[in-house]
């Protein structure tokens, strides 16, 4: 490969397209500024900017980058250059903030690049968050929990409704809702989804069970026996079919626990991944009930208690 051709490849796809049919390669990329007082980067175009002047987007939703994939991308960039520019916003004349493309930026640093092709946009913090979330959801291999958390952040921080969120990410409202429901699962199940120990199909089956104790029990069965999604769906249907309707209780309703007691109860439930009942009398005495579904589940709880 000639030096000229490799240089064109290093400048990206737009350079290749511009050079097609021409005896002299041309590029839409603007060179990095050579005059310290006059930045040459133009808004709306592809610019070569110095990597050292780019700071990471604090709103980046992705937290896990595959090390081997970064190495492979870096090796590709050394040979072919970076084909797809990143997107940044200008902070000042010599500082930029990343909007999207952190994986490409990380790999370019590994490849030893000094400058990187970038689109420069103007955006406020909310727009930055929304663009970063959408870019990652659509173009990066996020795990299901990262997608769910990104969706929730868009609802909370970008002031969107589910219908608007679905339009932004080109997904149906039901798909968005399925991801959001993952956040209601016990922490141990969420961790398994994040780590790839169970699939989205397993999680969707577990979500249909109202009782978190039963959710955790079936979750343990999946991990211990490698149950398929179809098998766990069958178990869920059987479980729901065998449940007896709640009996009418004419007893006086239990006293609503105080905020402090409810908070302790919720924290314990989160710690043990099962529903915990905390009973406190007016005298300050009481008890803690931690139910379990099997001997294995009991062993798990006892280990957490250092028994």
C-alpha atoms as a PDB file:
ATOM      1  CA  UNK A   1       0.000   0.000   0.000  1.00  0.00           C
ATOM      2  CA  UNK A   2       1.447   3.388  -1.029  1.00  0.00           C
ATOM      3  CA  UNK A   3       1.974   6.164   1.479  1.00  0.00           C
ATOM      4  CA  UNK A   4      -0.596   8.328  -0.303  1.00  0.00           C
ATOM      5  CA  UNK A   5      -3.278   5.631  -0.248  1.00  0.00           C
ATOM      6  CA  UNK A   6      -2.657   4.771   3.400  1.00  0.00           C
ATOM      7  CA  UNK A   7      -2.907   8.469   4.267  1.00  0.00           C
ATOM      8  CA  UNK A   8      -6.283   8.688   2.518  1.00  0.00           C
ATOM      9  CA  UNK A   9      -7.510   5.633   4.402  1.00  0.00           C
ATOM     10  CA  UNK A  10      -6.357   7.214   7.643  1.00  0.00           C
ATOM     11  CA  UNK A  11      -8.550  10.205   6.963  1.00  0.00           C
ATOM     12  CA  UNK A  12     -11.709   8.113   6.819  1.00  0.00           C
ATOM     13  CA  UNK A  13     -14.574   7.285   4.498  1.00  0.00           C
ATOM     14  CA  UNK A  14     -15.284  10.847   3.363  1.00  0.00           C
ATOM     15  CA  UNK A  15     -11.709  11.163   2.091  1.00  0.00           C
ATOM     16  CA  UNK A  16     -12.078   7.962   0.069  1.00  0.00           C
ATOM     17  CA  UNK A  17     -15.357   9.150  -1.454  1.00  0.00           C
ATOM     18  CA  UNK A  18     -13.936  12.563  -2.322  1.00  0.00           C
ATOM     19  CA  UNK A  19     -10.901  11.013  -3.993  1.00  0.00           C
ATOM     20  CA  UNK A  20     -12.944   8.650  -6.179  1.00  0.00           C
ATOM     21  CA  UNK A  21     -12.554   9.567  -9.840  1.00  0.00           C
ATOM     22  CA  UNK A  22      -9.928  12.205  -9.118  1.00  0.00           C
ATOM     23  CA  UNK A  23      -6.221  12.079  -9.826  1.00  0.00           C
ATOM     24  CA  UNK A  24      -5.509  14.127  -6.723  1.00  0.00           C
ATOM     25  CA  UNK A  25      -7.071  12.966  -3.420  1.00  0.00           C
ATOM     26  CA  UNK A  26      -9.149  15.592  -1.642  1.00  0.00           C
ATOM     27  CA  UNK A  27     -10.578  15.623   1.855  1.00  0.00           C
ATOM     28  CA  UNK A  28     -13.386  17.297   3.772  1.00  0.00           C
ATOM     29  CA  UNK A  29     -11.335  17.068   6.946  1.00  0.00           C
ATOM     30  CA  UNK A  30      -9.933  20.282   8.359  1.00  0.00           C
ATOM     31  CA  UNK A  31      -6.380  20.025   9.635  1.00  0.00           C
ATOM     32  CA  UNK A  32      -5.686  20.688  13.317  1.00  0.00           C
ATOM     33  CA  UNK A  33      -4.903  24.314  14.040  1.00  0.00           C
ATOM     34  CA  UNK A  34      -1.350  25.371  13.541  1.00  0.00           C
ATOM     35  CA  UNK A  35      -1.819  28.856  14.939  1.00  0.00           C
ATOM     36  CA  UNK A  36      -2.359  28.694  18.683  1.00  0.00           C
ATOM     37  CA  UNK A  37      -4.570  31.783  18.566  1.00  0.00           C
ATOM     38  CA  UNK A  38      -6.901  30.785  15.703  1.00  0.00           C
ATOM     39  CA  UNK A  39      -8.818  27.501  15.922  1.00  0.00           C
ATOM     40  CA  UNK A  40      -9.665  26.187  12.427  1.00  0.00           C
ATOM     41  CA  UNK A  41     -12.187  23.521  13.460  1.00  0.00           C
ATOM     42  CA  UNK A  42     -15.549  24.248  11.842  1.00  0.00           C
ATOM     43  CA  UNK A  43     -18.974  23.365  13.198  1.00  0.00           C
ATOM     44  CA  UNK A  44     -20.929  20.873  11.079  1.00  0.00           C
ATOM     45  CA  UNK A  45     -17.890  19.524   9.180  1.00  0.00           C
ATOM     46  CA  UNK A  46     -15.407  16.749   9.839  1.00  0.00           C
ATOM     47  CA  UNK A  47     -12.294  18.109  11.545  1.00  0.00           C
ATOM     48  CA  UNK A  48      -8.993  16.640  12.644  1.00  0.00           C
ATOM     49  CA  UNK A  49      -8.642  17.632  16.301  1.00  0.00           C
ATOM     50  CA  UNK A  50      -6.015  16.749  18.863  1.00  0.00           C
ATOM     51  CA  UNK A  51      -6.900  13.788  21.082  1.00  0.00           C
ATOM     52  CA  UNK A  52      -5.201  15.483  24.028  1.00  0.00           C
ATOM     53  CA  UNK A  53      -7.819  18.253  23.844  1.00  0.00           C
ATOM     54  CA  UNK A  54     -10.796  15.886  24.167  1.00  0.00           C
ATOM     55  CA  UNK A  55     -12.327  15.119  27.558  1.00  0.00           C
ATOM     56  CA  UNK A  56     -14.616  12.127  28.142  1.00  0.00           C
ATOM     57  CA  UNK A  57     -18.352  12.705  28.186  1.00  0.00           C
ATOM     58  CA  UNK A  58     -19.475  12.532  31.863  1.00  0.00           C
ATOM     59  CA  UNK A  59     -22.895  11.345  30.662  1.00  0.00           C
ATOM     60  CA  UNK A  60     -21.493   8.260  28.924  1.00  0.00           C
ATOM     61  CA  UNK A  61     -23.838   5.368  29.859  1.00  0.00           C
ATOM     62  CA  UNK A  62     -21.473   2.594  28.824  1.00  0.00           C
ATOM     63  CA  UNK A  63     -19.334   1.355  31.696  1.00  0.00           C
ATOM     64  CA  UNK A  64     -17.832  -1.839  30.259  1.00  0.00           C
ATOM     65  CA  UNK A  65     -15.491  -1.907  27.247  1.00  0.00           C
ATOM     66  CA  UNK A  66     -14.251  -5.264  25.968  1.00  0.00           C
ATOM     67  CA  UNK A  67     -10.452  -5.189  26.275  1.00  0.00           C
ATOM     68  CA  UNK A  68      -9.791  -7.593  23.383  1.00  0.00           C
ATOM     69  CA  UNK A  69     -12.187  -5.721  21.113  1.00  0.00           C
ATOM     70  CA  UNK A  70     -10.360  -2.449  21.888  1.00  0.00           C
ATOM     71  CA  UNK A  71      -7.020  -4.064  21.021  1.00  0.00           C
ATOM     72  CA  UNK A  72      -8.397  -5.366  17.714  1.00  0.00           C
ATOM     73  CA  UNK A  73      -9.901  -1.988  16.825  1.00  0.00           C
ATOM     74  CA  UNK A  74      -6.625  -0.241  17.677  1.00  0.00           C
ATOM     75  CA  UNK A  75      -4.717  -2.604  15.361  1.00  0.00           C
ATOM     76  CA  UNK A  76      -7.245  -1.910  12.591  1.00  0.00           C
ATOM     77  CA  UNK A  77      -6.869   1.848  13.087  1.00  0.00           C
ATOM     78  CA  UNK A  78      -3.070   1.541  12.804  1.00  0.00           C
ATOM     79  CA  UNK A  79      -3.483  -0.035   9.375  1.00  0.00           C
ATOM     80  CA  UNK A  80      -6.645   1.568   7.979  1.00  0.00           C
ATOM     81  CA  UNK A  81      -7.066   4.734  10.015  1.00  0.00           C
ATOM     82  CA  UNK A  82     -10.327   5.640  11.762  1.00  0.00           C
ATOM     83  CA  UNK A  83     -13.137   5.393   9.223  1.00  0.00           C
ATOM     84  CA  UNK A  84     -16.009   6.732  11.351  1.00  0.00           C
ATOM     85  CA  UNK A  85     -15.448  10.124  13.034  1.00  0.00           C
ATOM     86  CA  UNK A  86     -16.371  10.703  16.661  1.00  0.00           C
ATOM     87  CA  UNK A  87     -18.714  13.522  17.723  1.00  0.00           C
ATOM     88  CA  UNK A  88     -17.673  16.271  20.140  1.00  0.00           C
ATOM     89  CA  UNK A  89     -18.828  19.669  21.312  1.00  0.00           C
ATOM     90  CA  UNK A  90     -16.479  22.618  21.652  1.00  0.00           C
ATOM     91  CA  UNK A  91     -15.906  23.813  25.224  1.00  0.00           C
ATOM     92  CA  UNK A  92     -13.443  26.554  24.257  1.00  0.00           C
ATOM     93  CA  UNK A  93     -10.866  27.217  21.544  1.00  0.00           C
ATOM     94  CA  UNK A  94      -8.606  24.371  22.682  1.00  0.00           C
ATOM     95  CA  UNK A  95     -10.944  22.006  24.499  1.00  0.00           C
ATOM     96  CA  UNK A  96     -13.655  19.597  23.387  1.00  0.00           C
ATOM     97  CA  UNK A  97     -16.040  17.261  25.178  1.00  0.00           C
ATOM     98  CA  UNK A  98     -16.916  13.867  23.730  1.00  0.00           C
ATOM     99  CA  UNK A  99     -20.566  13.338  22.793  1.00  0.00           C
ATOM    100  CA  UNK A 100     -20.301   9.892  21.194  1.00  0.00           C
ATOM    101  CA  UNK A 101     -17.586   7.475  20.121  1.00  0.00           C
ATOM    102  CA  UNK A 102     -15.702   6.698  23.336  1.00  0.00           C
ATOM    103  CA  UNK A 103     -14.761   3.229  22.100  1.00  0.00           C
ATOM    104  CA  UNK A 104     -13.248   4.731  18.934  1.00  0.00           C
ATOM    105  CA  UNK A 105     -11.449   7.377  20.997  1.00  0.00           C
ATOM    106  CA  UNK A 106      -9.980   4.797  23.383  1.00  0.00           C
ATOM    107  CA  UNK A 107      -8.807   2.607  20.502  1.00  0.00           C
ATOM    108  CA  UNK A 108      -7.294   5.607  18.681  1.00  0.00           C
ATOM    109  CA  UNK A 109      -5.265   6.467  21.786  1.00  0.00           C
ATOM    110  CA  UNK A 110      -4.018   2.864  21.899  1.00  0.00           C
ATOM    111  CA  UNK A 111      -3.110   3.113  18.219  1.00  0.00           C
ATOM    112  CA  UNK A 112      -0.921   6.135  19.009  1.00  0.00           C
ATOM    113  CA  UNK A 113      -2.915   8.704  17.027  1.00  0.00           C
ATOM    114  CA  UNK A 114      -2.258  12.345  17.877  1.00  0.00           C
ATOM    115  CA  UNK A 115      -5.359  13.686  16.103  1.00  0.00           C
ATOM    116  CA  UNK A 116      -8.733  12.143  15.343  1.00  0.00           C
ATOM    117  CA  UNK A 117     -11.516  12.975  12.834  1.00  0.00           C
ATOM    118  CA  UNK A 118     -14.530  14.472  14.599  1.00  0.00           C
ATOM    119  CA  UNK A 119     -17.851  16.120  13.979  1.00  0.00           C
ATOM    120  CA  UNK A 120     -18.197  19.257  16.099  1.00  0.00           C
ATOM    121  CA  UNK A 121     -21.658  20.057  17.408  1.00  0.00           C
ATOM    122  CA  UNK A 122     -23.170  22.560  19.783  1.00  0.00           C
ATOM    123  CA  UNK A 123     -25.153  20.965  22.587  1.00  0.00           C
ATOM    124  CA  UNK A 124     -26.245  21.701  26.117  1.00  0.00           C
ATOM    125  CA  UNK A 125     -25.867  19.100  28.859  1.00  0.00           C
ATOM    126  CA  UNK A 126     -29.321  17.597  28.326  1.00  0.00           C
ATOM    127  CA  UNK A 127     -28.757  17.318  24.580  1.00  0.00           C
ATOM    128  CA  UNK A 128     -25.360  15.748  25.222  1.00  0.00           C
ATOM    129  CA  UNK A 129     -26.880  13.160  27.521  1.00  0.00           C
ATOM    130  CA  UNK A 130     -29.633  12.337  25.060  1.00  0.00           C
ATOM    131  CA  UNK A 131     -27.256  12.067  22.093  1.00  0.00           C
ATOM    132  CA  UNK A 132     -24.790   9.923  24.051  1.00  0.00           C
ATOM    133  CA  UNK A 133     -27.530   7.599  25.271  1.00  0.00           C
ATOM    134  CA  UNK A 134     -29.140   7.232  21.851  1.00  0.00           C
ATOM    135  CA  UNK A 135     -25.810   6.675  20.101  1.00  0.00           C
ATOM    136  CA  UNK A 136     -24.846   3.949  22.551  1.00  0.00           C
ATOM    137  CA  UNK A 137     -28.245   2.237  22.580  1.00  0.00           C
ATOM    138  CA  UNK A 138     -28.381   2.075  18.791  1.00  0.00           C
ATOM    139  CA  UNK A 139     -24.763   1.422  17.899  1.00  0.00           C
ATOM    140  CA  UNK A 140     -22.969  -0.256  20.804  1.00  0.00           C
ATOM    141  CA  UNK A 141     -23.370  -3.738  22.199  1.00  0.00           C
ATOM    142  CA  UNK A 142     -24.750  -2.694  25.586  1.00  0.00           C
ATOM    143  CA  UNK A 143     -25.977  -5.414  27.901  1.00  0.00           C
ATOM    144  CA  UNK A 144     -29.672  -5.391  28.759  1.00  0.00           C
ATOM    145  CA  UNK A 145     -29.161  -3.720  32.143  1.00  0.00           C
ATOM    146  CA  UNK A 146     -27.135  -0.892  30.588  1.00  0.00           C
ATOM    147  CA  UNK A 147     -29.931  -0.378  28.053  1.00  0.00           C
ATOM    148  CA  UNK A 148     -32.533  -0.373  30.838  1.00  0.00           C
ATOM    149  CA  UNK A 149     -30.559   2.149  32.881  1.00  0.00           C
ATOM    150  CA  UNK A 150     -30.035   4.313  29.790  1.00  0.00           C
ATOM    151  CA  UNK A 151     -33.775   4.281  29.075  1.00  0.00           C
ATOM    152  CA  UNK A 152     -34.522   5.252  32.675  1.00  0.00           C
ATOM    153  CA  UNK A 153     -32.017   8.091  32.534  1.00  0.00           C
ATOM    154  CA  UNK A 154     -33.627   9.403  29.364  1.00  0.00           C
ATOM    155  CA  UNK A 155     -37.024   9.380  31.074  1.00  0.00           C
ATOM    156  CA  UNK A 156     -35.743  11.007  34.251  1.00  0.00           C
ATOM    157  CA  UNK A 157     -33.099  13.431  33.002  1.00  0.00           C
ATOM    158  CA  UNK A 158     -34.301  14.278  29.486  1.00  0.00           C
ATOM    159  CA  UNK A 159     -37.914  14.734  30.581  1.00  0.00           C
ATOM    160  CA  UNK A 160     -39.306  12.275  28.028  1.00  0.00           C
ATOM    161  CA  UNK A 161     -42.413  10.106  28.028  1.00  0.00           C
ATOM    162  CA  UNK A 162     -42.150   6.439  27.037  1.00  0.00           C
ATOM    163  CA  UNK A 163     -43.747   7.157  23.648  1.00  0.00           C
ATOM    164  CA  UNK A 164     -41.174   9.886  22.960  1.00  0.00           C
ATOM    165  CA  UNK A 165     -38.359   7.651  24.159  1.00  0.00           C
ATOM    166  CA  UNK A 166     -39.479   4.893  21.785  1.00  0.00           C
ATOM    167  CA  UNK A 167     -39.435   7.352  18.888  1.00  0.00           C
ATOM    168  CA  UNK A 168     -35.939   8.583  19.812  1.00  0.00           C
ATOM    169  CA  UNK A 169     -34.437   5.074  19.834  1.00  0.00           C
ATOM    170  CA  UNK A 170     -36.660   3.542  17.116  1.00  0.00           C
ATOM    171  CA  UNK A 171     -38.171   0.960  19.434  1.00  0.00           C
ATOM    172  CA  UNK A 172     -41.781   0.141  20.283  1.00  0.00           C
ATOM    173  CA  UNK A 173     -43.269   1.226  23.579  1.00  0.00           C
ATOM    174  CA  UNK A 174     -43.606  -2.435  24.643  1.00  0.00           C
ATOM    175  CA  UNK A 175     -39.894  -3.041  23.987  1.00  0.00           C
ATOM    176  CA  UNK A 176     -38.965   0.023  26.022  1.00  0.00           C
ATOM    177  CA  UNK A 177     -41.285  -1.100  28.818  1.00  0.00           C
ATOM    178  CA  UNK A 178     -39.763  -4.611  28.856  1.00  0.00           C
ATOM    179  CA  UNK A 179     -36.321  -3.123  29.442  1.00  0.00           C
ATOM    180  CA  UNK A 180     -37.552  -0.734  32.129  1.00  0.00           C
ATOM    181  CA  UNK A 181     -39.220  -3.597  34.008  1.00  0.00           C
ATOM    182  CA  UNK A 182     -35.795  -5.214  34.459  1.00  0.00           C
ATOM    183  CA  UNK A 183     -35.031  -2.492  36.995  1.00  0.00           C
ATOM    184  CA  UNK A 184     -37.762  -3.881  39.260  1.00  0.00           C
ATOM    185  CA  UNK A 185     -36.099  -7.300  39.542  1.00  0.00           C
ATOM    186  CA  UNK A 186     -34.080  -8.196  42.681  1.00  0.00           C
ATOM    187  CA  UNK A 187     -30.444  -7.036  42.581  1.00  0.00           C
ATOM    188  CA  UNK A 188     -29.043 -10.569  42.253  1.00  0.00           C
ATOM    189  CA  UNK A 189     -31.058 -11.144  39.071  1.00  0.00           C
ATOM    190  CA  UNK A 190     -30.065  -7.761  37.654  1.00  0.00           C
ATOM    191  CA  UNK A 191     -26.407  -8.673  38.253  1.00  0.00           C
ATOM    192  CA  UNK A 192     -26.851 -11.953  36.360  1.00  0.00           C
ATOM    193  CA  UNK A 193     -28.377 -10.104  33.408  1.00  0.00           C
ATOM    194  CA  UNK A 194     -25.518  -7.609  33.446  1.00  0.00           C
ATOM    195  CA  UNK A 195     -22.887 -10.362  33.592  1.00  0.00           C
ATOM    196  CA  UNK A 196     -24.555 -12.452  30.879  1.00  0.00           C
ATOM    197  CA  UNK A 197     -25.340 -15.369  33.200  1.00  0.00           C
ATOM    198  CA  UNK A 198     -29.002 -15.289  32.147  1.00  0.00           C
ATOM    199  CA  UNK A 199     -30.557 -13.962  28.947  1.00  0.00           C
ATOM    200  CA  UNK A 200     -33.156 -11.292  28.320  1.00  0.00           C
ATOM    201  CA  UNK A 201     -35.591 -14.146  27.613  1.00  0.00           C
ATOM    202  CA  UNK A 202     -35.017 -15.597  31.083  1.00  0.00           C
ATOM    203  CA  UNK A 203     -35.463 -12.158  32.623  1.00  0.00           C
ATOM    204  CA  UNK A 204     -38.735 -11.497  30.788  1.00  0.00           C
ATOM    205  CA  UNK A 205     -40.121 -14.778  32.117  1.00  0.00           C
ATOM    206  CA  UNK A 206     -39.078 -13.951  35.682  1.00  0.00           C
ATOM    207  CA  UNK A 207     -40.629 -10.496  35.454  1.00  0.00           C
ATOM    208  CA  UNK A 208     -44.110 -12.024  35.110  1.00  0.00           C
ATOM    209  CA  UNK A 209     -43.829 -13.441  38.653  1.00  0.00           C
ATOM    210  CA  UNK A 210     -45.048 -10.955  41.254  1.00  0.00           C
ATOM    211  CA  UNK A 211     -43.320 -12.523  44.271  1.00  0.00           C
ATOM    212  CA  UNK A 212     -39.591 -11.636  44.440  1.00  0.00           C
ATOM    213  CA  UNK A 213     -38.919 -14.712  46.581  1.00  0.00           C
ATOM    214  CA  UNK A 214     -40.153 -16.955  43.787  1.00  0.00           C
ATOM    215  CA  UNK A 215     -38.232 -14.897  41.259  1.00  0.00           C
ATOM    216  CA  UNK A 216     -34.991 -15.491  43.169  1.00  0.00           C
ATOM    217  CA  UNK A 217     -35.783 -19.209  43.552  1.00  0.00           C
ATOM    218  CA  UNK A 218     -36.288 -19.713  39.802  1.00  0.00           C
ATOM    219  CA  UNK A 219     -33.228 -17.590  39.131  1.00  0.00           C
ATOM    220  CA  UNK A 220     -31.161 -19.986  41.243  1.00  0.00           C
ATOM    221  CA  UNK A 221     -32.611 -22.926  39.296  1.00  0.00           C
ATOM    222  CA  UNK A 222     -31.512 -21.335  36.014  1.00  0.00           C
ATOM    223  CA  UNK A 223     -27.954 -20.839  37.288  1.00  0.00           C
ATOM    224  CA  UNK A 224     -27.639 -24.275  38.878  1.00  0.00           C
ATOM    225  CA  UNK A 225     -29.196 -26.353  36.092  1.00  0.00           C
ATOM    226  CA  UNK A 226     -28.674 -24.238  32.995  1.00  0.00           C
ATOM    227  CA  UNK A 227     -32.388 -24.128  32.241  1.00  0.00           C
ATOM    228  CA  UNK A 228     -33.451 -22.886  28.811  1.00  0.00           C
ATOM    229  CA  UNK A 229     -35.805 -19.958  28.316  1.00  0.00           C
ATOM    230  CA  UNK A 230     -38.565 -22.339  27.167  1.00  0.00           C
ATOM    231  CA  UNK A 231     -38.133 -24.489  30.285  1.00  0.00           C
ATOM    232  CA  UNK A 232     -38.285 -21.540  32.650  1.00  0.00           C
ATOM    233  CA  UNK A 233     -41.372 -20.227  30.836  1.00  0.00           C
ATOM    234  CA  UNK A 234     -43.041 -23.600  31.424  1.00  0.00           C
ATOM    235  CA  UNK A 235     -42.105 -23.481  35.107  1.00  0.00           C
ATOM    236  CA  UNK A 236     -43.498 -19.955  35.412  1.00  0.00           C
ATOM    237  CA  UNK A 237     -46.798 -20.960  33.789  1.00  0.00           C
ATOM    238  CA  UNK A 238     -47.093 -23.983  36.079  1.00  0.00           C
ATOM    239  CA  UNK A 239     -46.315 -21.843  39.101  1.00  0.00           C
ATOM    240  CA  UNK A 240     -48.941 -19.279  38.157  1.00  0.00           C
ATOM    241  CA  UNK A 241     -51.515 -21.977  37.419  1.00  0.00           C
ATOM    242  CA  UNK A 242     -51.049 -23.644  40.807  1.00  0.00           C
ATOM    243  CA  UNK A 243     -51.284 -20.450  42.824  1.00  0.00           C
ATOM    244  CA  UNK A 244     -54.451 -20.344  44.913  1.00  0.00           C
ATOM    245  CA  UNK A 245     -56.486 -17.138  44.945  1.00  0.00           C
ATOM    246  CA  UNK A 246     -55.874 -15.051  48.022  1.00  0.00           C
ATOM    247  CA  UNK A 247     -58.314 -15.808  50.825  1.00  0.00           C
ATOM    248  CA  UNK A 248     -60.375 -13.004  52.242  1.00  0.00           C
ATOM    249  CA  UNK A 249     -58.944 -11.814  55.523  1.00  0.00           C
ATOM    250  CA  UNK A 250     -61.424 -10.187  57.908  1.00  0.00           C
ATOM    251  CA  UNK A 251     -58.776  -9.379  60.437  1.00  0.00           C
ATOM    252  CA  UNK A 252     -57.901  -5.804  61.267  1.00  0.00           C
ATOM    253  CA  UNK A 253     -55.424  -4.425  58.725  1.00  0.00           C
ATOM    254  CA  UNK A 254     -51.816  -4.356  59.878  1.00  0.00           C
ATOM    255  CA  UNK A 255     -50.445  -1.030  60.965  1.00  0.00           C
ATOM    256  CA  UNK A 256     -48.532   0.737  58.200  1.00  0.00           C
ATOM    257  CA  UNK A 257     -44.819   0.760  59.094  1.00  0.00           C
ATOM    258  CA  UNK A 258     -43.061   4.078  59.563  1.00  0.00           C
ATOM    259  CA  UNK A 259     -40.773   5.477  56.888  1.00  0.00           C
ATOM    260  CA  UNK A 260     -37.674   4.471  58.886  1.00  0.00           C
ATOM    261  CA  UNK A 261     -38.885   0.888  59.352  1.00  0.00           C
ATOM    262  CA  UNK A 262     -39.894   0.617  55.693  1.00  0.00           C
ATOM    263  CA  UNK A 263     -36.485   1.913  54.622  1.00  0.00           C
ATOM    264  CA  UNK A 264     -34.668  -0.670  56.773  1.00  0.00           C
ATOM    265  CA  UNK A 265     -36.958  -3.397  55.466  1.00  0.00           C
ATOM    266  CA  UNK A 266     -36.303  -2.397  51.840  1.00  0.00           C
ATOM    267  CA  UNK A 267     -32.541  -2.242  52.399  1.00  0.00           C
ATOM    268  CA  UNK A 268     -32.547  -5.731  53.921  1.00  0.00           C
ATOM    269  CA  UNK A 269     -34.662  -7.064  51.046  1.00  0.00           C
ATOM    270  CA  UNK A 270     -32.154  -5.613  48.574  1.00  0.00           C
ATOM    271  CA  UNK A 271     -29.193  -7.104  50.478  1.00  0.00           C
ATOM    272  CA  UNK A 272     -30.630 -10.630  50.690  1.00  0.00           C
ATOM    273  CA  UNK A 273     -32.471 -10.552  47.323  1.00  0.00           C
ATOM    274  CA  UNK A 274     -35.663 -11.725  48.963  1.00  0.00           C
ATOM    275  CA  UNK A 275     -38.643 -10.151  50.665  1.00  0.00           C
ATOM    276  CA  UNK A 276     -37.788  -9.364  54.307  1.00  0.00           C
ATOM    277  CA  UNK A 277     -40.435  -8.679  56.925  1.00  0.00           C
ATOM    278  CA  UNK A 278     -39.531  -6.427  59.839  1.00  0.00           C
ATOM    279  CA  UNK A 279     -41.960  -6.355  62.758  1.00  0.00           C
ATOM    280  CA  UNK A 280     -41.581  -3.689  65.439  1.00  0.00           C
ATOM    281  CA  UNK A 281     -43.925  -3.242  68.387  1.00  0.00           C
ATOM    282  CA  UNK A 282     -44.789   0.045  70.081  1.00  0.00           C
ATOM    283  CA  UNK A 283     -42.333  -0.932  72.818  1.00  0.00           C
ATOM    284  CA  UNK A 284     -39.483  -1.174  70.323  1.00  0.00           C
ATOM    285  CA  UNK A 285     -39.241  -4.987  70.372  1.00  0.00           C
ATOM    286  CA  UNK A 286     -39.809  -7.096  67.289  1.00  0.00           C
ATOM    287  CA  UNK A 287     -38.431  -9.619  64.835  1.00  0.00           C
ATOM    288  CA  UNK A 288     -36.935  -9.974  61.355  1.00  0.00           C
ATOM    289  CA  UNK A 289     -38.249 -12.684  59.013  1.00  0.00           C
ATOM    290  CA  UNK A 290     -36.100 -13.748  56.043  1.00  0.00           C
ATOM    291  CA  UNK A 291     -37.944 -16.439  54.047  1.00  0.00           C
ATOM    292  CA  UNK A 292     -36.138 -18.942  51.797  1.00  0.00           C
ATOM    293  CA  UNK A 293     -37.355 -21.219  48.994  1.00  0.00           C
ATOM    294  CA  UNK A 294     -34.958 -24.150  49.254  1.00  0.00           C
ATOM    295  CA  UNK A 295     -31.960 -25.513  51.132  1.00  0.00           C
ATOM    296  CA  UNK A 296     -29.670 -23.872  48.576  1.00  0.00           C
ATOM    297  CA  UNK A 297     -31.435 -20.574  49.099  1.00  0.00           C
ATOM    298  CA  UNK A 298     -31.007 -20.990  52.864  1.00  0.00           C
ATOM    299  CA  UNK A 299     -27.304 -21.723  52.423  1.00  0.00           C
ATOM    300  CA  UNK A 300     -26.942 -18.566  50.331  1.00  0.00           C
ATOM    301  CA  UNK A 301     -28.555 -16.444  53.063  1.00  0.00           C
ATOM    302  CA  UNK A 302     -26.501 -18.061  55.806  1.00  0.00           C
ATOM    303  CA  UNK A 303     -23.300 -17.371  53.889  1.00  0.00           C
ATOM    304  CA  UNK A 304     -24.257 -13.701  53.650  1.00  0.00           C
ATOM    305  CA  UNK A 305     -24.716 -13.742  57.422  1.00  0.00           C
ATOM    306  CA  UNK A 306     -21.254 -15.318  57.820  1.00  0.00           C
ATOM    307  CA  UNK A 307     -22.906 -18.301  59.509  1.00  0.00           C
END
